[in-house]
Amino acid sequence: MRLFRRRNRAKDLPWSPDGGLSRRQYPDYAAYVAHQGAKLAKTKGMEAYDRDFRAALLARLPDLRGRRVVCLAARLGTEVRAFRDAGAAAVGVDLNPGRANRDVIPADFHRLPFRDGAFDAAYSNSLDHALDLPRLSRETARVVRPGGLLLVEAVAGSEEGPGPGSYESFFWKRVSDLVAALERLGWRTESRAPIDFPWRGEQVRFRRPGRA
């Protein structure tokens, strides 16, 4: 990880555009894992953020009482706790959830360690940290039951806001470009609504086709 930080700083890695989407070009998967795992160092002293985001997310969640939810790339688990506040049975995954995290297990959201159809819903506000959106979509669809929900909170795109920061690995010009990509991957859009915390963007609700 130290070698990657020194020789391949994120700002120096090129982006590869593909229509309304762009991907950061990592030299290999290990470099991606090292870069994304290093983000935890930026989450120290965030008690106020945890409290405020937990409350803001809870206020805009659909009714998932008694439902099983997986939070993708959940870092230290704020979103997991918000879903539990809403009455859901939630767990998170992240490449680096820190030590002794009771809410988030260490795992790559491209390779989820759960059985098929284990969850009623999935949530993520971190699709801009994906390495491979089609693979992530397939894994999410695998662990979410037919007819289940995918709840995405997406930051405003590069034509709508400030654009990607130091840790983003995947980005879009407009949120509509991300929505269209997920629809091409088989998700059905149910609703879109603006959000303004923890950043300006949209909450988009998708449904996995089929019946449980």
N, C-alpha and C. Protein backbone atom coordinates (compact mmCIF):
# COMPACT_ATOMS: atom_id res chain seq x y z
N MET A 1 0.84 -1.20 0.00
CA MET A 1 0.00 0.00 0.00
C MET A 1 0.87 1.25 0.00
N ARG A 2 1.96 1.24 0.78
CA ARG A 2 2.83 2.41 0.86
C ARG A 2 3.46 2.71 -0.50
N LEU A 3 3.86 1.64 -1.23
CA LEU A 3 4.46 1.84 -2.54
C LEU A 3 3.45 2.47 -3.50
N PHE A 4 2.19 2.01 -3.44
CA PHE A 4 1.17 2.58 -4.32
C PHE A 4 0.95 4.06 -4.01
N ARG A 5 0.89 4.41 -2.73
CA ARG A 5 0.68 5.81 -2.37
C ARG A 5 1.80 6.70 -2.90
N ARG A 6 3.04 6.19 -2.83
CA ARG A 6 4.17 7.02 -3.20
C ARG A 6 4.27 7.20 -4.71
N ARG A 7 4.05 6.13 -5.48
CA ARG A 7 4.33 6.18 -6.90
C ARG A 7 3.09 6.38 -7.77
N ASN A 8 1.92 6.10 -7.22
CA ASN A 8 0.72 6.16 -8.03
C ASN A 8 -0.38 6.93 -7.30
N ARG A 9 -0.11 8.17 -6.96
CA ARG A 9 -1.10 8.97 -6.27
C ARG A 9 -2.35 9.10 -7.13
N ALA A 10 -3.51 9.15 -6.47
CA ALA A 10 -4.77 9.14 -7.19
C ALA A 10 -4.85 10.24 -8.24
N LYS A 11 -4.35 11.41 -7.92
CA LYS A 11 -4.46 12.52 -8.87
C LYS A 11 -3.67 12.28 -10.15
N ASP A 12 -2.73 11.35 -10.11
CA ASP A 12 -1.91 11.08 -11.28
C ASP A 12 -2.46 9.95 -12.14
N LEU A 13 -3.45 9.22 -11.66
CA LEU A 13 -4.00 8.11 -12.42
C LEU A 13 -4.98 8.65 -13.47
N PRO A 14 -4.86 8.18 -14.72
CA PRO A 14 -5.72 8.72 -15.78
C PRO A 14 -7.16 8.22 -15.67
N TRP A 15 -8.08 8.99 -16.25
CA TRP A 15 -9.48 8.60 -16.34
C TRP A 15 -9.77 8.19 -17.78
N SER A 16 -10.61 7.17 -17.91
CA SER A 16 -11.01 6.69 -19.23
C SER A 16 -12.49 6.99 -19.44
N PRO A 17 -12.84 7.94 -20.33
CA PRO A 17 -14.25 8.28 -20.55
C PRO A 17 -14.95 7.26 -21.42
N ASP A 18 -16.24 7.05 -21.14
CA ASP A 18 -17.08 6.16 -21.94
C ASP A 18 -18.47 6.76 -21.97
N GLY A 19 -18.72 7.65 -22.92
CA GLY A 19 -19.98 8.36 -22.97
C GLY A 19 -20.14 9.25 -21.76
N GLY A 20 -21.22 9.06 -21.00
CA GLY A 20 -21.46 9.87 -19.82
C GLY A 20 -20.80 9.35 -18.57
N LEU A 21 -20.00 8.29 -18.69
CA LEU A 21 -19.32 7.68 -17.54
C LEU A 21 -17.82 7.74 -17.72
N SER A 22 -17.08 7.73 -16.61
CA SER A 22 -15.62 7.69 -16.66
C SER A 22 -15.12 6.77 -15.56
N ARG A 23 -13.97 6.12 -15.82
CA ARG A 23 -13.38 5.20 -14.87
C ARG A 23 -11.91 5.55 -14.66
N ARG A 24 -11.49 5.51 -13.42
CA ARG A 24 -10.07 5.72 -13.12
C ARG A 24 -9.30 4.46 -13.51
N GLN A 25 -8.16 4.64 -14.15
CA GLN A 25 -7.39 3.51 -14.65
C GLN A 25 -6.32 3.09 -13.63
N TYR A 26 -6.64 2.09 -12.82
CA TYR A 26 -5.67 1.55 -11.87
C TYR A 26 -4.74 0.57 -12.58
N PRO A 27 -3.49 0.47 -12.12
CA PRO A 27 -2.59 -0.49 -12.75
C PRO A 27 -3.01 -1.93 -12.53
N ASP A 28 -3.69 -2.22 -11.41
CA ASP A 28 -4.17 -3.57 -11.14
C ASP A 28 -5.17 -3.51 -9.99
N TYR A 29 -5.78 -4.66 -9.70
CA TYR A 29 -6.80 -4.72 -8.65
C TYR A 29 -6.21 -4.38 -7.29
N ALA A 30 -4.99 -4.80 -7.02
CA ALA A 30 -4.36 -4.52 -5.73
C ALA A 30 -4.22 -3.02 -5.51
N ALA A 31 -3.93 -2.26 -6.56
CA ALA A 31 -3.82 -0.81 -6.44
C ALA A 31 -5.17 -0.19 -6.12
N TYR A 32 -6.22 -0.71 -6.73
CA TYR A 32 -7.58 -0.23 -6.42
C TYR A 32 -7.90 -0.48 -4.95
N VAL A 33 -7.65 -1.68 -4.46
CA VAL A 33 -7.94 -2.02 -3.07
C VAL A 33 -7.15 -1.14 -2.12
N ALA A 34 -5.87 -0.92 -2.42
CA ALA A 34 -5.02 -0.09 -1.57
C ALA A 34 -5.52 1.35 -1.52
N HIS A 35 -5.90 1.87 -2.68
CA HIS A 35 -6.38 3.25 -2.75
C HIS A 35 -7.69 3.41 -1.97
N GLN A 36 -8.65 2.53 -2.21
CA GLN A 36 -9.94 2.65 -1.54
C GLN A 36 -9.83 2.36 -0.05
N GLY A 37 -9.01 1.39 0.32
CA GLY A 37 -8.83 1.07 1.73
C GLY A 37 -8.19 2.20 2.51
N ALA A 38 -7.39 3.01 1.85
CA ALA A 38 -6.72 4.12 2.52
C ALA A 38 -7.66 5.24 2.91
N LYS A 39 -8.89 5.23 2.38
CA LYS A 39 -9.83 6.32 2.67
C LYS A 39 -10.21 6.37 4.14
N LEU A 40 -10.10 5.24 4.85
CA LEU A 40 -10.49 5.23 6.25
C LEU A 40 -9.73 6.27 7.06
N ALA A 41 -8.50 6.56 6.67
CA ALA A 41 -7.69 7.54 7.40
C ALA A 41 -8.33 8.93 7.37
N LYS A 42 -9.24 9.17 6.42
CA LYS A 42 -9.89 10.47 6.29
C LYS A 42 -11.19 10.56 7.10
N THR A 43 -11.51 9.52 7.86
CA THR A 43 -12.79 9.51 8.59
C THR A 43 -12.61 9.66 10.09
N LYS A 44 -11.46 10.13 10.53
CA LYS A 44 -11.24 10.32 11.95
C LYS A 44 -11.96 11.58 12.46
N GLY A 45 -12.41 11.52 13.69
CA GLY A 45 -13.05 12.69 14.30
C GLY A 45 -14.31 13.13 13.60
N MET A 46 -15.15 12.16 13.20
CA MET A 46 -16.34 12.49 12.41
C MET A 46 -17.63 12.22 13.18
N GLU A 47 -17.60 12.43 14.49
CA GLU A 47 -18.78 12.15 15.31
C GLU A 47 -19.98 13.01 14.87
N ALA A 48 -19.75 14.29 14.60
CA ALA A 48 -20.85 15.17 14.19
C ALA A 48 -21.41 14.74 12.84
N TYR A 49 -20.54 14.38 11.91
CA TYR A 49 -21.00 13.90 10.60
C TYR A 49 -21.82 12.64 10.76
N ASP A 50 -21.35 11.71 11.57
CA ASP A 50 -22.07 10.46 11.79
C ASP A 50 -23.48 10.74 12.31
N ARG A 51 -23.59 11.62 13.29
CA ARG A 51 -24.88 11.95 13.86
C ARG A 51 -25.81 12.61 12.83
N ASP A 52 -25.27 13.58 12.08
CA ASP A 52 -26.10 14.33 11.14
C ASP A 52 -26.51 13.50 9.93
N PHE A 53 -25.58 12.70 9.40
CA PHE A 53 -25.92 11.86 8.25
C PHE A 53 -26.90 10.77 8.66
N ARG A 54 -26.71 10.20 9.83
CA ARG A 54 -27.63 9.16 10.31
C ARG A 54 -29.06 9.70 10.38
N ALA A 55 -29.22 10.90 10.91
CA ALA A 55 -30.55 11.49 11.02
C ALA A 55 -31.12 11.85 9.65
N ALA A 56 -30.29 12.41 8.76
CA ALA A 56 -30.76 12.81 7.44
C ALA A 56 -31.18 11.60 6.61
N LEU A 57 -30.39 10.53 6.66
CA LEU A 57 -30.73 9.33 5.90
C LEU A 57 -32.01 8.69 6.45
N LEU A 58 -32.11 8.59 7.76
CA LEU A 58 -33.30 8.00 8.37
C LEU A 58 -34.57 8.71 7.90
N ALA A 59 -34.51 10.03 7.79
CA ALA A 59 -35.69 10.82 7.41
C ALA A 59 -36.16 10.55 5.99
N ARG A 60 -35.28 10.04 5.13
CA ARG A 60 -35.67 9.84 3.73
C ARG A 60 -35.73 8.36 3.31
N LEU A 61 -35.63 7.44 4.27
CA LEU A 61 -35.71 6.02 3.93
C LEU A 61 -37.15 5.58 3.70
N PRO A 62 -37.33 4.63 2.78
CA PRO A 62 -38.66 4.03 2.64
C PRO A 62 -38.94 3.11 3.82
N ASP A 63 -40.14 2.62 3.91
CA ASP A 63 -40.52 1.72 5.00
C ASP A 63 -39.91 0.34 4.76
N LEU A 64 -38.89 0.02 5.55
CA LEU A 64 -38.22 -1.28 5.43
C LEU A 64 -38.22 -2.00 6.78
N ARG A 65 -39.22 -1.74 7.59
CA ARG A 65 -39.30 -2.39 8.89
C ARG A 65 -39.37 -3.91 8.74
N GLY A 66 -38.48 -4.57 9.45
CA GLY A 66 -38.43 -6.02 9.41
C GLY A 66 -37.74 -6.59 8.19
N ARG A 67 -37.24 -5.75 7.30
CA ARG A 67 -36.58 -6.21 6.08
C ARG A 67 -35.08 -6.38 6.29
N ARG A 68 -34.48 -7.21 5.46
CA ARG A 68 -33.04 -7.46 5.51
C ARG A 68 -32.35 -6.56 4.48
N VAL A 69 -31.37 -5.79 4.95
CA VAL A 69 -30.72 -4.79 4.10
C VAL A 69 -29.22 -4.95 4.18
N VAL A 70 -28.54 -4.85 3.03
CA VAL A 70 -27.09 -4.80 2.99
C VAL A 70 -26.66 -3.42 2.50
N CYS A 71 -25.74 -2.81 3.21
CA CYS A 71 -25.20 -1.49 2.85
C CYS A 71 -23.83 -1.69 2.23
N LEU A 72 -23.67 -1.25 1.00
CA LEU A 72 -22.47 -1.49 0.21
C LEU A 72 -21.48 -0.35 0.36
N ALA A 73 -20.22 -0.70 0.65
CA ALA A 73 -19.17 0.29 0.89
C ALA A 73 -19.58 1.22 2.02
N ALA A 74 -19.88 0.64 3.18
CA ALA A 74 -20.49 1.36 4.30
C ALA A 74 -19.49 2.00 5.25
N ARG A 75 -18.21 1.92 4.94
CA ARG A 75 -17.18 2.54 5.77
C ARG A 75 -17.38 2.15 7.24
N LEU A 76 -17.59 3.11 8.12
CA LEU A 76 -17.70 2.81 9.55
C LEU A 76 -19.13 2.44 9.98
N GLY A 77 -20.10 2.52 9.06
CA GLY A 77 -21.41 1.97 9.34
C GLY A 77 -22.52 2.94 9.68
N THR A 78 -22.38 4.23 9.38
CA THR A 78 -23.44 5.19 9.68
C THR A 78 -24.75 4.78 9.03
N GLU A 79 -24.71 4.38 7.76
CA GLU A 79 -25.93 4.01 7.07
C GLU A 79 -26.56 2.74 7.65
N VAL A 80 -25.72 1.82 8.11
CA VAL A 80 -26.24 0.61 8.75
C VAL A 80 -27.06 0.98 9.97
N ARG A 81 -26.54 1.89 10.76
CA ARG A 81 -27.24 2.30 11.97
C ARG A 81 -28.53 3.05 11.65
N ALA A 82 -28.55 3.81 10.55
CA ALA A 82 -29.77 4.50 10.15
C ALA A 82 -30.85 3.50 9.75
N PHE A 83 -30.47 2.46 9.02
CA PHE A 83 -31.45 1.44 8.64
C PHE A 83 -31.96 0.70 9.87
N ARG A 84 -31.10 0.44 10.82
CA ARG A 84 -31.56 -0.21 12.05
C ARG A 84 -32.49 0.71 12.83
N ASP A 85 -32.21 2.00 12.82
CA ASP A 85 -33.13 2.96 13.46
C ASP A 85 -34.52 2.87 12.83
N ALA A 86 -34.55 2.56 11.51
CA ALA A 86 -35.81 2.46 10.78
C ALA A 86 -36.48 1.10 10.95
N GLY A 87 -35.87 0.21 11.72
CA GLY A 87 -36.47 -1.09 11.99
C GLY A 87 -36.03 -2.20 11.08
N ALA A 88 -35.02 -1.97 10.23
CA ALA A 88 -34.52 -3.01 9.34
C ALA A 88 -33.43 -3.82 10.03
N ALA A 89 -33.21 -5.03 9.53
CA ALA A 89 -32.08 -5.86 9.95
C ALA A 89 -30.96 -5.61 8.95
N ALA A 90 -29.99 -4.79 9.31
CA ALA A 90 -28.99 -4.30 8.36
C ALA A 90 -27.59 -4.72 8.74
N VAL A 91 -26.77 -4.91 7.69
CA VAL A 91 -25.35 -5.17 7.85
C VAL A 91 -24.63 -4.43 6.73
N GLY A 92 -23.38 -4.03 6.95
CA GLY A 92 -22.61 -3.35 5.93
C GLY A 92 -21.38 -4.13 5.52
N VAL A 93 -20.86 -3.80 4.34
CA VAL A 93 -19.58 -4.34 3.88
C VAL A 93 -18.71 -3.17 3.43
N ASP A 94 -17.41 -3.30 3.62
CA ASP A 94 -16.47 -2.29 3.16
C ASP A 94 -15.09 -2.93 3.06
N LEU A 95 -14.27 -2.44 2.14
CA LEU A 95 -12.90 -2.95 2.02
C LEU A 95 -12.11 -2.75 3.30
N ASN A 96 -12.37 -1.64 3.99
CA ASN A 96 -11.65 -1.35 5.23
C ASN A 96 -12.61 -0.72 6.23
N PRO A 97 -13.32 -1.54 7.02
CA PRO A 97 -14.27 -1.00 7.99
C PRO A 97 -13.64 -0.60 9.31
N GLY A 98 -12.32 -0.68 9.41
CA GLY A 98 -11.67 -0.39 10.67
C GLY A 98 -11.66 -1.60 11.59
N ARG A 99 -11.10 -1.44 12.75
CA ARG A 99 -10.95 -2.56 13.68
C ARG A 99 -12.18 -2.68 14.57
N ALA A 100 -12.57 -3.94 14.83
CA ALA A 100 -13.66 -4.25 15.77
C ALA A 100 -14.94 -3.51 15.42
N ASN A 101 -15.28 -3.47 14.14
CA ASN A 101 -16.51 -2.81 13.69
C ASN A 101 -17.66 -3.81 13.81
N ARG A 102 -18.64 -3.52 14.64
CA ARG A 102 -19.76 -4.43 14.87
C ARG A 102 -20.86 -4.30 13.82
N ASP A 103 -20.77 -3.28 12.97
CA ASP A 103 -21.83 -3.01 11.99
C ASP A 103 -21.43 -3.35 10.56
N VAL A 104 -20.13 -3.40 10.28
CA VAL A 104 -19.64 -3.56 8.91
C VAL A 104 -18.57 -4.66 8.88
N ILE A 105 -18.70 -5.58 7.94
CA ILE A 105 -17.71 -6.65 7.80
C ILE A 105 -16.77 -6.32 6.64
N PRO A 106 -15.51 -6.79 6.70
CA PRO A 106 -14.58 -6.54 5.60
C PRO A 106 -14.92 -7.38 4.38
N ALA A 107 -15.23 -6.72 3.27
CA ALA A 107 -15.55 -7.41 2.02
C ALA A 107 -15.59 -6.39 0.89
N ASP A 108 -15.34 -6.86 -0.31
CA ASP A 108 -15.42 -6.05 -1.52
C ASP A 108 -16.85 -6.11 -2.04
N PHE A 109 -17.47 -4.96 -2.33
CA PHE A 109 -18.84 -5.02 -2.81
C PHE A 109 -18.97 -5.57 -4.23
N HIS A 110 -17.84 -5.89 -4.87
CA HIS A 110 -17.88 -6.63 -6.13
C HIS A 110 -17.92 -8.14 -5.88
N ARG A 111 -17.66 -8.58 -4.63
CA ARG A 111 -17.56 -10.00 -4.28
C ARG A 111 -18.24 -10.21 -2.92
N LEU A 112 -19.53 -10.21 -2.92
CA LEU A 112 -20.27 -10.22 -1.65
C LEU A 112 -20.33 -11.62 -1.04
N PRO A 113 -20.04 -11.75 0.25
CA PRO A 113 -19.96 -13.06 0.91
C PRO A 113 -21.32 -13.51 1.46
N PHE A 114 -22.37 -13.42 0.63
CA PHE A 114 -23.70 -13.77 1.08
C PHE A 114 -24.35 -14.71 0.06
N ARG A 115 -25.33 -15.47 0.53
CA ARG A 115 -26.04 -16.39 -0.35
C ARG A 115 -26.97 -15.63 -1.29
N ASP A 116 -27.39 -16.29 -2.33
CA ASP A 116 -28.32 -15.71 -3.29
C ASP A 116 -29.63 -15.33 -2.57
N GLY A 117 -30.16 -14.16 -2.88
CA GLY A 117 -31.43 -13.73 -2.35
C GLY A 117 -31.47 -13.51 -0.85
N ALA A 118 -30.31 -13.22 -0.25
CA ALA A 118 -30.23 -13.09 1.20
C ALA A 118 -30.90 -11.81 1.72
N PHE A 119 -31.11 -10.82 0.86
CA PHE A 119 -31.58 -9.51 1.32
C PHE A 119 -32.82 -9.05 0.56
N ASP A 120 -33.59 -8.24 1.24
CA ASP A 120 -34.75 -7.59 0.61
C ASP A 120 -34.36 -6.31 -0.09
N ALA A 121 -33.24 -5.72 0.31
CA ALA A 121 -32.84 -4.43 -0.25
C ALA A 121 -31.33 -4.24 -0.10
N ALA A 122 -30.78 -3.42 -0.97
CA ALA A 122 -29.38 -3.00 -0.88
C ALA A 122 -29.34 -1.48 -0.95
N TYR A 123 -28.36 -0.90 -0.27
CA TYR A 123 -28.19 0.56 -0.27
C TYR A 123 -26.73 0.87 -0.54
N SER A 124 -26.50 1.94 -1.31
CA SER A 124 -25.14 2.46 -1.43
C SER A 124 -25.16 3.93 -1.80
N ASN A 125 -24.26 4.70 -1.17
CA ASN A 125 -24.00 6.07 -1.64
C ASN A 125 -22.55 6.16 -2.13
N SER A 126 -22.00 4.99 -2.52
CA SER A 126 -20.58 4.92 -2.87
C SER A 126 -20.33 4.28 -4.23
N LEU A 127 -21.29 4.38 -5.15
CA LEU A 127 -21.04 3.81 -6.47
C LEU A 127 -19.91 4.53 -7.19
N ASP A 128 -19.60 5.75 -6.76
CA ASP A 128 -18.47 6.46 -7.34
C ASP A 128 -17.13 5.89 -6.87
N HIS A 129 -17.18 4.84 -6.06
CA HIS A 129 -15.96 4.12 -5.66
C HIS A 129 -15.90 2.72 -6.25
N ALA A 130 -16.75 2.46 -7.24
CA ALA A 130 -16.76 1.15 -7.88
C ALA A 130 -15.59 1.01 -8.85
N LEU A 131 -15.10 -0.21 -8.98
CA LEU A 131 -14.10 -0.52 -9.99
C LEU A 131 -14.77 -1.02 -11.26
N ASP A 132 -15.84 -1.81 -11.10
CA ASP A 132 -16.49 -2.48 -12.22
C ASP A 132 -18.00 -2.46 -11.96
N LEU A 133 -18.70 -1.48 -12.53
CA LEU A 133 -20.14 -1.34 -12.26
C LEU A 133 -20.93 -2.57 -12.70
N PRO A 134 -20.70 -3.16 -13.87
CA PRO A 134 -21.47 -4.36 -14.23
C PRO A 134 -21.29 -5.50 -13.23
N ARG A 135 -20.08 -5.72 -12.79
CA ARG A 135 -19.87 -6.79 -11.81
C ARG A 135 -20.56 -6.47 -10.49
N LEU A 136 -20.45 -5.23 -10.04
CA LEU A 136 -21.11 -4.83 -8.80
C LEU A 136 -22.62 -4.99 -8.92
N SER A 137 -23.17 -4.62 -10.08
CA SER A 137 -24.61 -4.78 -10.31
C SER A 137 -25.02 -6.24 -10.25
N ARG A 138 -24.24 -7.12 -10.88
CA ARG A 138 -24.56 -8.55 -10.87
C ARG A 138 -24.53 -9.11 -9.45
N GLU A 139 -23.53 -8.74 -8.67
CA GLU A 139 -23.44 -9.22 -7.30
C GLU A 139 -24.59 -8.70 -6.45
N THR A 140 -24.96 -7.44 -6.65
CA THR A 140 -26.08 -6.88 -5.91
C THR A 140 -27.37 -7.60 -6.28
N ALA A 141 -27.59 -7.82 -7.57
CA ALA A 141 -28.79 -8.53 -8.01
C ALA A 141 -28.81 -9.97 -7.50
N ARG A 142 -27.64 -10.55 -7.34
CA ARG A 142 -27.58 -11.93 -6.84
C ARG A 142 -28.04 -12.02 -5.40
N VAL A 143 -27.62 -11.08 -4.56
CA VAL A 143 -27.93 -11.18 -3.13
C VAL A 143 -29.26 -10.52 -2.75
N VAL A 144 -29.83 -9.73 -3.65
CA VAL A 144 -31.15 -9.12 -3.41
C VAL A 144 -32.20 -10.02 -4.07
N ARG A 145 -33.24 -10.36 -3.33
CA ARG A 145 -34.28 -11.25 -3.85
C ARG A 145 -34.98 -10.64 -5.06
N PRO A 146 -35.57 -11.46 -5.93
CA PRO A 146 -36.39 -10.93 -7.02
C PRO A 146 -37.48 -10.02 -6.47
N GLY A 147 -37.66 -8.88 -7.08
CA GLY A 147 -38.60 -7.89 -6.60
C GLY A 147 -38.06 -6.99 -5.52
N GLY A 148 -36.79 -7.21 -5.12
CA GLY A 148 -36.18 -6.41 -4.07
C GLY A 148 -35.74 -5.04 -4.54
N LEU A 149 -35.31 -4.24 -3.58
CA LEU A 149 -35.01 -2.82 -3.80
C LEU A 149 -33.51 -2.56 -3.83
N LEU A 150 -33.09 -1.69 -4.72
CA LEU A 150 -31.74 -1.11 -4.70
C LEU A 150 -31.91 0.38 -4.51
N LEU A 151 -31.39 0.89 -3.41
CA LEU A 151 -31.50 2.31 -3.08
C LEU A 151 -30.13 2.94 -3.25
N VAL A 152 -30.01 3.82 -4.24
CA VAL A 152 -28.74 4.46 -4.57
C VAL A 152 -28.84 5.94 -4.24
N GLU A 153 -27.85 6.46 -3.51
CA GLU A 153 -27.73 7.90 -3.34
C GLU A 153 -26.48 8.33 -4.10
N ALA A 154 -26.68 9.11 -5.13
CA ALA A 154 -25.62 9.46 -6.08
C ALA A 154 -25.32 10.94 -6.01
N VAL A 155 -24.05 11.27 -5.88
CA VAL A 155 -23.63 12.66 -5.88
C VAL A 155 -23.84 13.27 -7.26
N ALA A 156 -24.06 14.57 -7.31
CA ALA A 156 -24.22 15.27 -8.59
C ALA A 156 -23.02 15.01 -9.49
N GLY A 157 -23.28 14.83 -10.78
CA GLY A 157 -22.22 14.51 -11.73
C GLY A 157 -21.30 15.68 -12.03
N SER A 158 -20.30 15.43 -12.85
CA SER A 158 -19.28 16.44 -13.14
C SER A 158 -19.84 17.64 -13.90
N GLU A 159 -20.97 17.47 -14.60
CA GLU A 159 -21.62 18.60 -15.27
C GLU A 159 -22.67 19.25 -14.38
N GLU A 160 -22.85 18.73 -13.17
CA GLU A 160 -23.86 19.23 -12.25
C GLU A 160 -23.26 19.76 -10.95
N GLY A 161 -22.01 19.42 -10.69
CA GLY A 161 -21.36 19.78 -9.44
C GLY A 161 -19.85 19.85 -9.62
N PRO A 162 -19.10 19.74 -8.52
CA PRO A 162 -17.65 19.92 -8.59
C PRO A 162 -16.87 18.78 -9.22
N GLY A 163 -17.48 17.62 -9.40
CA GLY A 163 -16.76 16.51 -10.01
C GLY A 163 -16.06 15.63 -9.00
N PRO A 164 -15.34 14.60 -9.47
CA PRO A 164 -14.75 13.61 -8.56
C PRO A 164 -13.62 14.18 -7.72
N GLY A 165 -13.45 13.59 -6.53
CA GLY A 165 -12.37 13.97 -5.63
C GLY A 165 -11.22 12.99 -5.69
N SER A 166 -10.47 12.91 -4.62
CA SER A 166 -9.23 12.14 -4.60
C SER A 166 -9.45 10.63 -4.59
N TYR A 167 -10.59 10.17 -4.05
CA TYR A 167 -10.79 8.73 -3.88
C TYR A 167 -11.79 8.11 -4.84
N GLU A 168 -12.48 8.92 -5.64
CA GLU A 168 -13.42 8.35 -6.57
C GLU A 168 -12.71 7.53 -7.65
N SER A 169 -13.34 6.43 -8.03
CA SER A 169 -12.78 5.56 -9.07
C SER A 169 -13.70 5.46 -10.28
N PHE A 170 -14.90 5.98 -10.16
CA PHE A 170 -15.92 5.88 -11.21
C PHE A 170 -16.79 7.12 -11.08
N PHE A 171 -17.15 7.73 -12.22
CA PHE A 171 -17.94 8.95 -12.11
C PHE A 171 -18.83 9.11 -13.34
N TRP A 172 -19.74 10.06 -13.26
CA TRP A 172 -20.74 10.30 -14.30
C TRP A 172 -20.83 11.79 -14.56
N LYS A 173 -21.22 12.13 -15.80
CA LYS A 173 -21.43 13.54 -16.11
C LYS A 173 -22.69 14.07 -15.43
N ARG A 174 -23.74 13.25 -15.47
CA ARG A 174 -25.01 13.60 -14.84
C ARG A 174 -25.54 12.35 -14.13
N VAL A 175 -26.31 12.55 -13.08
CA VAL A 175 -26.89 11.39 -12.40
C VAL A 175 -27.70 10.55 -13.37
N SER A 176 -28.31 11.19 -14.35
CA SER A 176 -29.09 10.46 -15.35
C SER A 176 -28.23 9.44 -16.11
N ASP A 177 -26.94 9.72 -16.28
CA ASP A 177 -26.05 8.77 -16.95
C ASP A 177 -25.87 7.51 -16.11
N LEU A 178 -25.75 7.69 -14.80
CA LEU A 178 -25.65 6.53 -13.91
C LEU A 178 -26.96 5.75 -13.90
N VAL A 179 -28.08 6.44 -13.83
CA VAL A 179 -29.38 5.77 -13.84
C VAL A 179 -29.55 4.95 -15.12
N ALA A 180 -29.19 5.53 -16.25
CA ALA A 180 -29.31 4.82 -17.52
C ALA A 180 -28.42 3.57 -17.54
N ALA A 181 -27.22 3.68 -16.97
CA ALA A 181 -26.31 2.53 -16.93
C ALA A 181 -26.90 1.41 -16.09
N LEU A 182 -27.48 1.72 -14.96
CA LEU A 182 -28.08 0.70 -14.11
C LEU A 182 -29.33 0.10 -14.76
N GLU A 183 -30.07 0.90 -15.48
CA GLU A 183 -31.22 0.36 -16.21
C GLU A 183 -30.76 -0.61 -17.29
N ARG A 184 -29.67 -0.30 -17.98
CA ARG A 184 -29.15 -1.22 -18.99
C ARG A 184 -28.69 -2.53 -18.35
N LEU A 185 -28.31 -2.47 -17.08
CA LEU A 185 -27.86 -3.66 -16.36
C LEU A 185 -29.02 -4.43 -15.73
N GLY A 186 -30.24 -3.97 -15.98
CA GLY A 186 -31.40 -4.76 -15.59
C GLY A 186 -32.24 -4.22 -14.47
N TRP A 187 -31.86 -3.09 -13.86
CA TRP A 187 -32.64 -2.53 -12.76
C TRP A 187 -33.75 -1.63 -13.32
N ARG A 188 -34.88 -1.62 -12.64
CA ARG A 188 -36.01 -0.78 -13.06
C ARG A 188 -36.14 0.41 -12.12
N THR A 189 -36.09 1.61 -12.67
CA THR A 189 -36.18 2.82 -11.85
C THR A 189 -37.61 3.03 -11.37
N GLU A 190 -37.75 3.28 -10.06
CA GLU A 190 -39.06 3.55 -9.48
C GLU A 190 -39.26 5.02 -9.15
N SER A 191 -38.21 5.67 -8.65
CA SER A 191 -38.37 7.08 -8.26
C SER A 191 -37.01 7.74 -8.17
N ARG A 192 -37.03 9.07 -8.29
CA ARG A 192 -35.83 9.89 -8.13
C ARG A 192 -36.20 11.12 -7.32
N ALA A 193 -35.35 11.47 -6.36
CA ALA A 193 -35.62 12.65 -5.54
C ALA A 193 -34.31 13.32 -5.18
N PRO A 194 -34.27 14.66 -5.14
CA PRO A 194 -33.04 15.37 -4.79
C PRO A 194 -32.70 15.19 -3.32
N ILE A 195 -31.41 15.19 -3.02
CA ILE A 195 -30.91 15.22 -1.64
C ILE A 195 -29.87 16.33 -1.54
N ASP A 196 -29.62 16.80 -0.33
CA ASP A 196 -28.63 17.86 -0.16
C ASP A 196 -27.64 17.59 0.96
N PHE A 197 -27.69 16.39 1.56
CA PHE A 197 -26.72 16.04 2.60
C PHE A 197 -26.49 14.54 2.54
N PRO A 198 -25.24 14.09 2.55
CA PRO A 198 -24.00 14.80 2.89
C PRO A 198 -23.40 15.60 1.73
N TRP A 199 -24.05 15.54 0.58
CA TRP A 199 -23.67 16.35 -0.58
C TRP A 199 -24.91 16.47 -1.46
N ARG A 200 -24.84 17.34 -2.45
CA ARG A 200 -25.97 17.52 -3.36
C ARG A 200 -25.98 16.40 -4.38
N GLY A 201 -27.15 15.80 -4.55
CA GLY A 201 -27.28 14.70 -5.50
C GLY A 201 -28.71 14.21 -5.56
N GLU A 202 -28.88 12.91 -5.77
CA GLU A 202 -30.21 12.32 -5.87
C GLU A 202 -30.27 10.98 -5.15
N GLN A 203 -31.43 10.68 -4.59
CA GLN A 203 -31.73 9.33 -4.15
C GLN A 203 -32.57 8.68 -5.25
N VAL A 204 -32.10 7.55 -5.75
CA VAL A 204 -32.79 6.83 -6.83
C VAL A 204 -33.16 5.44 -6.32
N ARG A 205 -34.43 5.10 -6.45
CA ARG A 205 -34.90 3.78 -6.03
C ARG A 205 -35.09 2.90 -7.27
N PHE A 206 -34.42 1.77 -7.25
CA PHE A 206 -34.52 0.79 -8.33
C PHE A 206 -35.17 -0.49 -7.78
N ARG A 207 -35.78 -1.24 -8.66
CA ARG A 207 -36.37 -2.51 -8.28
C ARG A 207 -35.73 -3.61 -9.14
N ARG A 208 -35.40 -4.71 -8.49
CA ARG A 208 -34.97 -5.89 -9.24
C ARG A 208 -36.21 -6.55 -9.83
N PRO A 209 -36.26 -6.76 -11.13
CA PRO A 209 -37.45 -7.39 -11.73
C PRO A 209 -37.68 -8.79 -11.17
N GLY A 210 -38.93 -9.21 -11.20
CA GLY A 210 -39.29 -10.54 -10.76
C GLY A 210 -40.07 -10.53 -9.47
N ARG A 211 -40.53 -11.70 -9.08
CA ARG A 211 -41.28 -11.86 -7.83
C ARG A 211 -40.51 -12.79 -6.90
N ALA A 212 -40.63 -12.51 -5.60
CA ALA A 212 -39.95 -13.35 -4.60
C ALA A 212 -40.56 -14.74 -4.59
